[in-house]
Protein backbone atom coordinates (compact mmCIF):
# COMPACT_ATOMS: atom_id res chain seq x y z
CA MET A 1 67.78 -10.17 19.86
CA ASN A 2 66.19 -14.06 19.26
CA LEU A 3 66.43 -16.04 22.29
CA ASN A 4 65.03 -19.33 21.72
CA MET A 5 66.18 -22.71 23.29
CA PRO A 6 64.87 -25.98 22.79
CA PHE A 7 67.44 -27.58 24.43
CA LEU A 8 70.48 -26.62 27.12
CA ASN A 9 74.07 -26.78 25.64
CA LYS A 10 75.94 -24.81 28.70
CA ARG A 11 78.25 -23.19 25.94
CA VAL A 12 75.30 -21.60 23.72
CA LEU A 13 73.60 -20.41 27.11
CA ALA A 14 76.48 -18.65 28.10
CA HIS A 15 76.84 -16.51 24.91
CA GLN A 16 73.14 -15.89 25.05
CA VAL A 17 72.79 -14.92 28.88
CA ALA A 18 75.77 -12.35 28.20
CA SER A 19 73.73 -10.66 25.98
CA ILE A 20 71.02 -10.13 29.00
CA ASP A 21 71.08 -7.33 30.97
CA LEU A 22 68.76 -7.93 34.48
CA ARG A 23 68.63 -4.18 34.54
CA ARG A 24 67.39 -3.57 31.63
CA ILE A 25 63.91 -3.73 31.73
CA LYS A 26 61.50 -0.80 30.35
CA SER A 27 58.98 -0.89 33.09
CA THR A 28 57.03 -3.92 35.56
CA LEU A 29 53.61 -4.09 35.04
CA VAL A 30 52.35 -4.65 38.67
CA VAL A 31 48.60 -6.07 38.20
CA THR A 32 46.96 -6.03 41.40
CA HIS A 33 43.83 -7.55 42.49
CA ASN A 34 40.25 -5.98 42.39
CA ALA A 35 37.62 -8.71 43.34
CA ARG A 36 36.80 -10.54 40.30
CA SER A 37 37.53 -7.93 37.69
CA GLY A 38 40.10 -9.50 34.94
CA ALA A 39 43.78 -9.80 37.08
CA HIS A 40 43.95 -12.90 34.99
CA LEU A 41 42.47 -11.98 31.88
CA PHE A 42 44.47 -8.95 31.71
CA SER A 43 47.74 -11.53 32.52
CA ASN A 44 46.83 -14.14 29.91
CA LEU A 45 46.24 -11.54 27.41
CA LEU A 46 49.57 -10.09 27.30
CA ASP A 47 51.48 -12.98 28.28
CA ASN A 48 53.03 -14.31 25.00
CA HIS A 49 54.04 -11.20 23.61
CA SER A 50 57.16 -11.52 22.49
CA GLU A 51 58.74 -8.40 24.15
CA ILE A 52 56.67 -9.31 27.58
CA LEU A 53 58.15 -11.65 30.48
CA SER A 54 55.83 -13.38 32.86
CA CYS A 55 55.39 -16.13 35.08
CA PRO A 56 52.11 -18.50 35.35
CA PRO A 57 49.31 -16.57 37.10
CA ASP A 58 49.31 -16.61 41.07
CA SER A 59 52.93 -18.23 40.70
CA LEU A 60 54.58 -14.98 42.32
CA PRO A 61 51.88 -13.19 44.79
CA TRP A 62 54.20 -12.47 47.33
CA ILE A 63 57.54 -12.67 45.91
CA ILE A 64 58.57 -8.83 46.72
CA GLU A 65 57.54 -8.90 50.15
CA LYS A 66 59.59 -11.96 50.56
CA ILE A 67 62.56 -10.18 49.10
CA ASP A 68 65.08 -9.42 51.89
CA THR A 69 66.81 -6.25 50.44
CA LYS A 70 69.99 -6.39 53.06
CA CYS A 71 70.24 -10.21 52.71
CA PHE A 72 70.69 -9.75 48.51
CA ASN A 73 72.90 -6.61 49.12
CA SER A 74 74.92 -8.37 51.05
CA ILE A 75 75.92 -10.96 48.00
CA ILE A 76 79.17 -9.18 46.66
CA LYS A 77 81.14 -12.53 45.93
CA VAL A 78 81.13 -14.07 42.70
CA ASP A 79 81.47 -17.82 43.33
CA LYS A 80 80.01 -21.06 42.49
CA VAL A 81 78.39 -21.08 46.38
CA VAL A 82 76.74 -17.76 46.62
CA ARG A 83 75.10 -18.15 42.84
CA GLN A 84 73.66 -21.83 44.43
CA GLU A 85 72.54 -20.40 47.95
CA LEU A 86 70.51 -17.55 45.65
CA VAL A 87 68.92 -19.81 43.47
CA SER A 88 68.01 -21.88 46.00
CA TRP A 89 66.30 -19.03 48.02
CA ILE A 90 64.58 -18.40 44.71
CA ILE A 91 63.10 -21.92 44.13
CA THR A 92 62.23 -22.26 47.93
CA HIS A 93 60.02 -19.00 47.82
CA CYS A 94 58.50 -19.91 44.24
CA PRO A 95 57.27 -23.23 44.34
CA LEU A 96 54.49 -22.57 41.90
CA LEU A 97 57.25 -22.45 39.25
CA PHE A 98 58.47 -26.14 38.86
CA LYS A 99 57.34 -30.06 38.05
CA THR A 100 57.80 -32.10 41.20
CA VAL A 101 57.98 -35.95 40.66
CA ASN A 102 54.07 -36.40 41.59
CA ASN A 103 52.94 -33.17 38.67
CA GLU A 104 55.68 -34.80 36.04
CA THR A 105 53.56 -37.82 36.04
CA THR A 106 49.85 -36.65 36.03
CA ASN A 107 48.39 -33.12 35.20
CA LYS A 108 45.99 -33.95 38.35
CA SER A 109 48.81 -33.23 40.79
CA MET A 110 48.79 -29.05 40.28
CA PRO A 111 50.44 -27.11 42.70
CA VAL A 112 47.78 -24.47 44.85
CA ARG A 113 48.85 -21.17 46.42
CA GLU A 114 48.70 -21.46 49.66
CA ASP A 115 46.73 -18.52 50.74
CA LEU A 116 42.21 -18.37 50.41
CA SER A 117 42.56 -18.29 46.55
CA GLY A 118 43.23 -21.87 45.96
CA PHE A 119 44.15 -21.51 41.91
CA ARG A 120 45.71 -24.17 40.83
CA VAL A 121 49.30 -23.65 38.34
CA THR A 122 48.93 -25.97 35.08
CA VAL A 123 51.46 -28.47 35.08
CA SER A 124 52.36 -27.56 31.43
CA MET A 125 52.62 -24.12 32.49
CA LEU A 126 55.81 -25.20 34.57
CA VAL A 127 59.52 -25.72 34.67
CA THR A 128 62.35 -28.40 35.66
CA ILE A 129 64.23 -27.49 39.18
CA ASP A 130 67.53 -28.28 37.33
CA THR A 131 66.94 -26.64 34.04
CA PHE A 132 66.09 -23.13 36.44
CA ARG A 133 68.91 -23.68 38.60
CA LEU A 134 70.98 -23.91 35.03
CA ILE A 135 69.72 -20.52 33.31
CA ALA A 136 69.59 -19.02 36.68
CA GLU A 137 73.13 -19.19 38.10
CA SER A 138 74.41 -18.60 34.59
CA LEU A 139 72.49 -15.32 34.77
CA ILE A 140 73.89 -14.28 38.47
CA ALA A 141 77.15 -14.72 36.86
CA ALA A 142 76.95 -12.55 34.16
CA HIS A 143 75.20 -9.93 35.72
CA MET A 144 77.68 -9.82 38.68
CA LYS A 145 80.55 -9.58 36.02
CA LYS A 146 79.19 -6.68 34.50
CA TYR A 147 77.88 -4.72 37.54
CA ASN A 148 81.08 -4.88 39.93
CA ASN A 149 79.95 -7.80 41.98
CA GLU A 150 77.02 -6.42 43.14
CA ILE A 151 73.54 -7.89 43.07
CA LYS A 152 70.59 -5.85 44.46
CA ALA A 153 66.50 -7.02 45.70
CA ILE A 154 65.49 -5.21 42.36
CA ASP A 155 67.07 -7.77 40.08
CA ILE A 156 65.36 -10.53 41.65
CA LEU A 157 61.80 -10.13 39.68
CA SER A 158 64.04 -9.66 36.73
CA LEU A 159 66.12 -12.94 37.63
CA ILE A 160 63.30 -14.69 37.95
CA HIS A 161 61.36 -14.06 35.09
CA TRP A 162 64.12 -14.12 32.58
CA THR A 163 65.11 -17.44 33.80
CA TYR A 164 61.50 -18.84 33.53
CA ALA A 165 61.35 -17.44 29.58
CA LEU A 166 64.92 -19.48 29.03
CA ALA A 167 63.65 -22.32 30.07
CA ARG A 168 60.24 -22.43 28.55
CA GLY A 169 61.98 -21.71 25.45
CA ARG A 170 60.94 -18.49 24.67
CA VAL A 171 61.53 -16.11 21.65
CA ILE A 172 61.93 -12.93 23.11
CA SER A 173 62.16 -9.97 20.37
CA THR A 174 64.40 -7.52 22.38
CA ASP A 175 66.66 -6.31 25.12
CA THR A 176 64.83 -4.41 26.92
CA PRO A 177 61.30 -6.51 27.76
CA ILE A 178 58.34 -4.96 29.79
CA ILE A 179 57.72 -7.54 32.94
CA CYS A 180 54.02 -8.56 33.43
CA TRP A 181 53.79 -9.41 37.13
CA GLN A 182 50.66 -11.04 38.50
CA ARG A 183 50.33 -10.09 42.21
CA HIS A 184 47.06 -10.50 42.77
CA ASN A 185 46.47 -8.90 45.89
CA PHE A 186 45.52 -5.88 47.51
CA ILE A 187 48.79 -3.48 48.12
CA PRO A 188 48.25 -1.68 51.30
CA ASN A 189 50.47 1.47 51.74
CA LYS A 190 53.07 -0.24 54.14
CA ALA A 191 53.69 -2.61 51.20
CA LEU A 192 53.64 0.47 48.50
CA ALA A 193 57.25 1.72 48.83
CA ASN A 194 58.33 -1.87 48.94
CA ILE A 195 57.25 -2.72 45.49
CA ILE A 196 58.39 0.41 43.83
CA SER A 197 61.67 0.05 45.10
CA ASN A 198 62.24 -3.62 44.09
CA THR A 199 61.07 -3.24 40.64
CA ILE A 200 61.97 -1.30 37.78
CA ASN A 201 60.28 1.58 36.34
CA PRO A 202 56.67 0.19 37.86
CA ILE A 203 53.55 0.95 36.46
CA PHE A 204 50.61 -0.59 38.56
CA VAL A 205 47.42 -2.00 36.64
CA THR A 206 44.39 -2.51 38.08
CA THR A 207 41.57 -4.26 36.32
CA ILE A 208 37.88 -2.58 36.93
CA ARG A 209 34.18 -4.30 36.70
CA GLN A 210 30.96 -2.60 36.89
CA PHE A 211 31.34 -2.59 40.56
CA GLU A 212 28.47 -4.95 41.93
CA ASP A 213 28.90 -7.34 39.68
CA ALA A 214 32.53 -7.92 40.53
CA LEU A 215 31.86 -7.99 44.62
CA ASP A 216 29.29 -10.48 44.24
CA SER A 217 30.83 -12.73 41.80
CA PHE A 218 34.09 -12.51 43.96
CA LEU A 219 32.11 -13.00 47.36
CA SER A 220 30.55 -16.15 45.64
CA TRP A 221 33.54 -17.33 45.01
CA LEU A 222 35.14 -16.57 48.04
CA ARG A 223 31.93 -18.05 50.28
CA PRO A 224 33.49 -21.42 51.59
CA GLN A 225 36.86 -20.44 52.18
CA TYR A 226 35.46 -17.72 55.28
CA LYS A 227 33.84 -18.68 58.21
CA THR A 228 31.98 -16.07 58.78
CA LYS A 229 30.00 -13.34 56.45
CA THR A 230 31.35 -10.42 58.10
CA GLN A 231 34.75 -11.27 57.80
CA MET A 232 34.74 -12.07 54.15
CA PHE A 233 32.31 -9.03 53.15
CA ARG A 234 35.15 -6.90 55.48
CA VAL A 235 38.41 -8.40 53.67
CA CYS A 236 36.72 -7.86 49.68
CA VAL A 237 34.95 -4.28 50.27
CA ILE A 238 38.13 -2.36 52.08
CA SER A 239 40.03 -3.71 49.31
CA PHE A 240 37.85 -2.97 46.41
CA ALA A 241 37.67 0.62 47.87
CA CYS A 242 41.14 0.88 48.25
CA ASN A 243 41.67 -0.65 44.55
CA LEU A 244 39.62 2.41 42.36
CA ASN A 245 42.01 5.70 43.77
CA LYS A 246 45.33 6.03 42.89
CA ARG A 247 47.93 5.57 45.68
CA GLN A 248 49.81 8.16 46.78
CA THR A 249 53.24 7.41 44.63
CA SER A 250 54.00 9.24 41.30
CA ALA A 251 54.28 5.70 39.33
CA PRO A 252 51.79 5.62 36.39
CA GLN A 253 48.51 4.08 37.69
CA TRP A 254 46.38 2.59 35.07
CA ALA A 255 42.59 0.84 34.69
CA VAL A 256 41.40 -1.52 32.49
CA LYS A 257 37.84 -2.46 32.25
CA PHE A 258 36.84 -6.11 32.63
CA GLU A 259 33.92 -5.43 29.97
CA ASP A 260 36.55 -4.00 27.78
CA MET A 261 38.93 -6.73 27.74
CA HIS A 262 35.98 -8.98 26.66
CA THR A 263 33.95 -6.96 24.05
CA ASN A 264 36.56 -4.56 22.89
CA THR A 265 39.84 -6.68 22.86
CA ASP A 266 41.46 -5.31 19.70
CA THR A 267 41.14 -1.68 20.54
CA LEU A 268 42.48 -1.98 24.08
CA MET A 269 45.21 -4.07 23.58
CA LYS A 270 46.31 -1.52 20.99
CA ASN A 271 45.93 1.52 23.22
CA ILE A 272 47.99 -0.76 25.69
CA CYS A 273 50.55 -1.34 23.15
CA GLU A 274 50.77 2.44 22.18
CA LYS A 275 51.29 3.17 26.14
CA LEU A 276 54.25 0.65 26.37
CA ASN A 277 55.76 1.97 23.28
CA ILE A 278 56.15 -1.75 22.38
CA GLU A 279 54.41 -3.43 18.84
CA PHE A 280 51.12 -5.32 18.43
CA GLU A 281 51.34 -8.96 18.08
CA PRO A 282 48.27 -11.07 17.63
CA THR A 283 48.72 -13.12 20.19
CA LEU A 284 47.28 -10.10 22.48
CA LEU A 285 43.69 -11.07 21.16
CA GLU A 286 44.04 -14.49 22.63
CA THR A 287 44.20 -15.93 26.33
CA THR A 288 47.35 -17.91 26.86
CA LEU A 289 50.56 -18.48 29.02
CA ASP A 290 53.49 -18.80 26.23
CA GLY A 291 50.78 -19.76 23.58
CA GLU A 292 49.12 -22.40 25.65
CA PRO A 293 45.29 -22.12 26.35
CA CYS A 294 44.34 -21.21 29.80
CA ILE A 295 40.98 -22.35 31.29
CA TRP A 296 39.04 -20.95 34.15
CA ASN A 297 36.09 -23.18 35.94
CA VAL A 298 33.06 -20.67 35.95
CA ARG A 299 29.98 -21.79 37.57
CA SER A 300 31.16 -25.56 36.94
CA LYS A 301 31.89 -24.47 33.44
CA LEU A 302 34.98 -24.69 32.00
CA ILE A 303 35.52 -21.62 29.38
CA THR A 304 38.73 -19.98 27.91
CA GLY A 305 39.08 -17.20 25.64
CA THR A 306 37.33 -13.44 25.94
CA ASN A 307 33.18 -13.05 25.99
CA LYS A 308 31.94 -10.89 22.91
CA LYS A 309 28.71 -11.66 24.05
CA LEU A 310 29.41 -10.49 27.78
CA ARG A 311 26.25 -9.15 29.85
CA ARG A 312 25.75 -7.40 32.85
CA ARG A 313 24.42 -9.74 35.87
CA ASP A 314 21.07 -9.76 36.11
CA LYS A 315 20.72 -12.01 38.79
CA PHE A 316 22.60 -11.76 42.07
CA THR A 317 24.00 -14.84 44.72
CA ILE A 318 25.11 -12.82 47.72
CA LEU A 319 24.28 -9.18 47.14
CA ASN A 320 20.62 -8.38 47.61
CA ASN A 321 18.50 -4.81 45.79
CA ALA A 322 19.70 -2.84 49.03
CA ASP A 323 23.29 -3.83 49.06
CA ILE A 324 23.71 -3.22 45.76
CA VAL A 325 21.74 0.56 46.29
CA PHE A 326 24.05 1.05 49.02
CA ILE A 327 27.42 0.24 47.07
CA ASN A 328 26.01 2.40 43.79
CA LEU A 329 26.07 5.20 47.00
CA LEU A 330 29.44 4.40 48.07
CA PHE A 331 31.19 4.67 45.26
CA ALA A 332 28.85 6.97 43.24
CA SER A 333 31.60 9.51 41.63
CA ARG A 334 33.65 6.75 40.33
CA TYR A 335 30.67 4.38 38.91
CA LYS A 336 30.57 8.07 36.07
CA HIS A 337 34.71 8.24 35.76
CA PHE A 338 34.60 4.21 34.62
CA GLY A 339 31.21 4.91 32.52
CA TYR A 340 28.86 2.69 34.74
CA SER A 341 25.17 2.86 35.11
CA TYR A 342 23.59 2.56 38.23
CA GLN A 343 20.74 0.33 38.87
CA ASP A 344 17.25 1.65 38.38
CA ALA A 345 16.34 1.21 42.19
CA THR A 346 19.38 3.78 42.85
CA ILE A 347 18.16 6.48 40.78
CA LYS A 348 14.62 6.05 42.50
CA PHE A 349 15.98 5.82 45.61
CA THR A 350 17.72 9.22 45.20
CA ASN A 351 15.50 11.07 42.75
CA SER A 352 18.46 12.23 41.42
CA ASP A 353 21.96 11.46 39.74
CA PRO A 354 24.18 9.69 42.82
CA SER A 355 26.96 11.52 41.65
CA ASN A 356 25.55 14.84 41.99
CA LEU A 357 24.89 14.61 45.80
CA SER A 358 26.82 16.85 48.44
CA PHE A 359 28.45 14.73 51.21
CA ASP A 360 25.92 15.29 53.69
CA ASN A 361 23.17 14.37 51.72
CA LEU A 362 24.95 11.49 50.53
CA VAL A 363 25.47 10.12 54.04
CA ARG A 364 21.56 10.48 54.96
CA CYS A 365 21.16 8.39 51.88
CA LEU A 366 23.40 5.83 53.32
CA GLU A 367 22.14 5.84 56.86
CA ALA A 368 18.54 5.43 55.02
CA VAL A 369 19.54 2.16 53.47
CA GLN A 370 21.06 1.32 56.86
CA VAL A 371 17.78 2.09 58.91
CA SER A 372 15.73 0.16 56.62
CA GLY A 373 17.77 -2.90 57.85
CA ARG A 374 17.68 -4.76 54.52
CA SER A 375 21.36 -4.18 53.71
CA TYR A 376 24.21 -6.49 55.75
CA LEU A 377 26.78 -4.34 53.79
CA ALA A 378 25.04 -0.95 55.56
CA ASN A 379 24.96 -2.39 58.71
CA LEU A 380 28.43 -3.33 58.82
CA THR A 381 29.49 0.01 58.04
CA PHE A 382 27.95 1.73 60.60
CA GLU A 383 29.98 -0.53 63.29
CA THR A 384 30.66 1.80 65.99
CA ASN A 385 34.33 1.47 66.28
CA PRO A 386 35.64 4.78 63.93
CA ASP A 387 39.03 2.90 63.46
CA ASP A 388 37.68 -0.15 61.65
CA LEU A 389 38.37 0.48 58.14
CA LEU A 390 34.89 -0.63 57.19
CA ASN A 391 33.64 1.97 59.63
CA LEU A 392 31.48 4.41 56.76
CA ARG A 393 33.35 7.37 57.53
CA ASN A 394 36.90 5.67 56.12
CA ILE A 395 35.47 4.23 53.22
CA LEU A 396 34.07 7.49 52.59
CA SER A 397 37.55 9.18 52.62
CA HIS A 398 38.78 6.25 49.95
CA SER A 399 35.45 6.62 47.65
CA TRP A 400 34.45 10.52 47.76
CA HIS A 401 38.02 12.34 49.17
CA PRO A 402 38.78 15.26 46.54
CA ASP A 403 42.32 14.44 46.93
CA LEU A 404 42.02 11.33 45.81
CA GLN A 405 41.89 10.92 42.51
CA PRO A 406 40.55 7.62 40.32
CA LEU A 407 42.90 5.49 38.00
CA ASP A 408 43.40 6.64 34.34
CA LEU A 409 41.28 4.56 32.10
CA ILE A 410 42.85 2.58 29.32
CA ARG A 411 40.00 2.18 26.76
């Protein structure tokens, strides 16, 4: 199927959308957030592939939480009013997909996410509301004809991605595409069931980076957004600890290394294609959205693409040496699994391989770091409230629990 819509014609549109089945999605990649570990990079490497549907990074982070299953299950009539109401709901709840009067006239007026990230969506990635509405209403009408006047919550993510692709004039080479949805937020256990029930064949993808590098980068970037250092550490470290392990679901759960995306891009992307059962395409080596270069501001420099000369951090902004030793110990078993090395200071401190420490000896080492008074992170984890997720025992239950397996690493 070759879908290319440089212009809209209602008769041509009706013929093309008739061949689209919103439920014929091969899989949905749920790209989660894990500090500054390359979730954007992963999405931008994938999102111009002819078998993949995707929307701009950060444009749909909370869409599944916003979907009201009962509301969509109650839509059972095929009429213009219902289609308009549903599309209006999508437009209202996905504002970072659309051009407005302001951002159509200047690239300086870019939509900004309403959460702490502050990410801006590039204007050139946006579509007009009128074009989106026309395509979406046509897709809904065709879908309800196929499925006996029934549309469900599970259809909405597919509807949004297909509509965006057609509005952008994308060429999609299959009628069973893969959705690459960058949720870009930590998934707590209470949200897991909702995401699984409202996506088709989900595959959870977490990008992984040398742990202290990822945390220091993330904390440095978030510092202006938080009033207190304690609040910032609590949010970042808890989500990081939970993200390194498999969630309680039978859905596939993969890890992709930030370092591999940069320095081993060709091999990594070919292996991902093999896992997804799709053809390798050269666009998988480029960081774009629908073929347009994606640009990031890193340490006041504009960058795009992968960095084949990527190196580990040798200077840290937020974390000190004691914090890094503490992190090495907290996540010692995961360092080994993902092929990361410990800091020399950690090896000297334990005088052994940290991953071989018994649980009791590990706790003694962590207590020693805390007693030294040099690690702000260590002091936070020794708070007296045992129910605090940042309490040391709670973090260890995630990072050292024998029943919690690490994510499957794709190399």
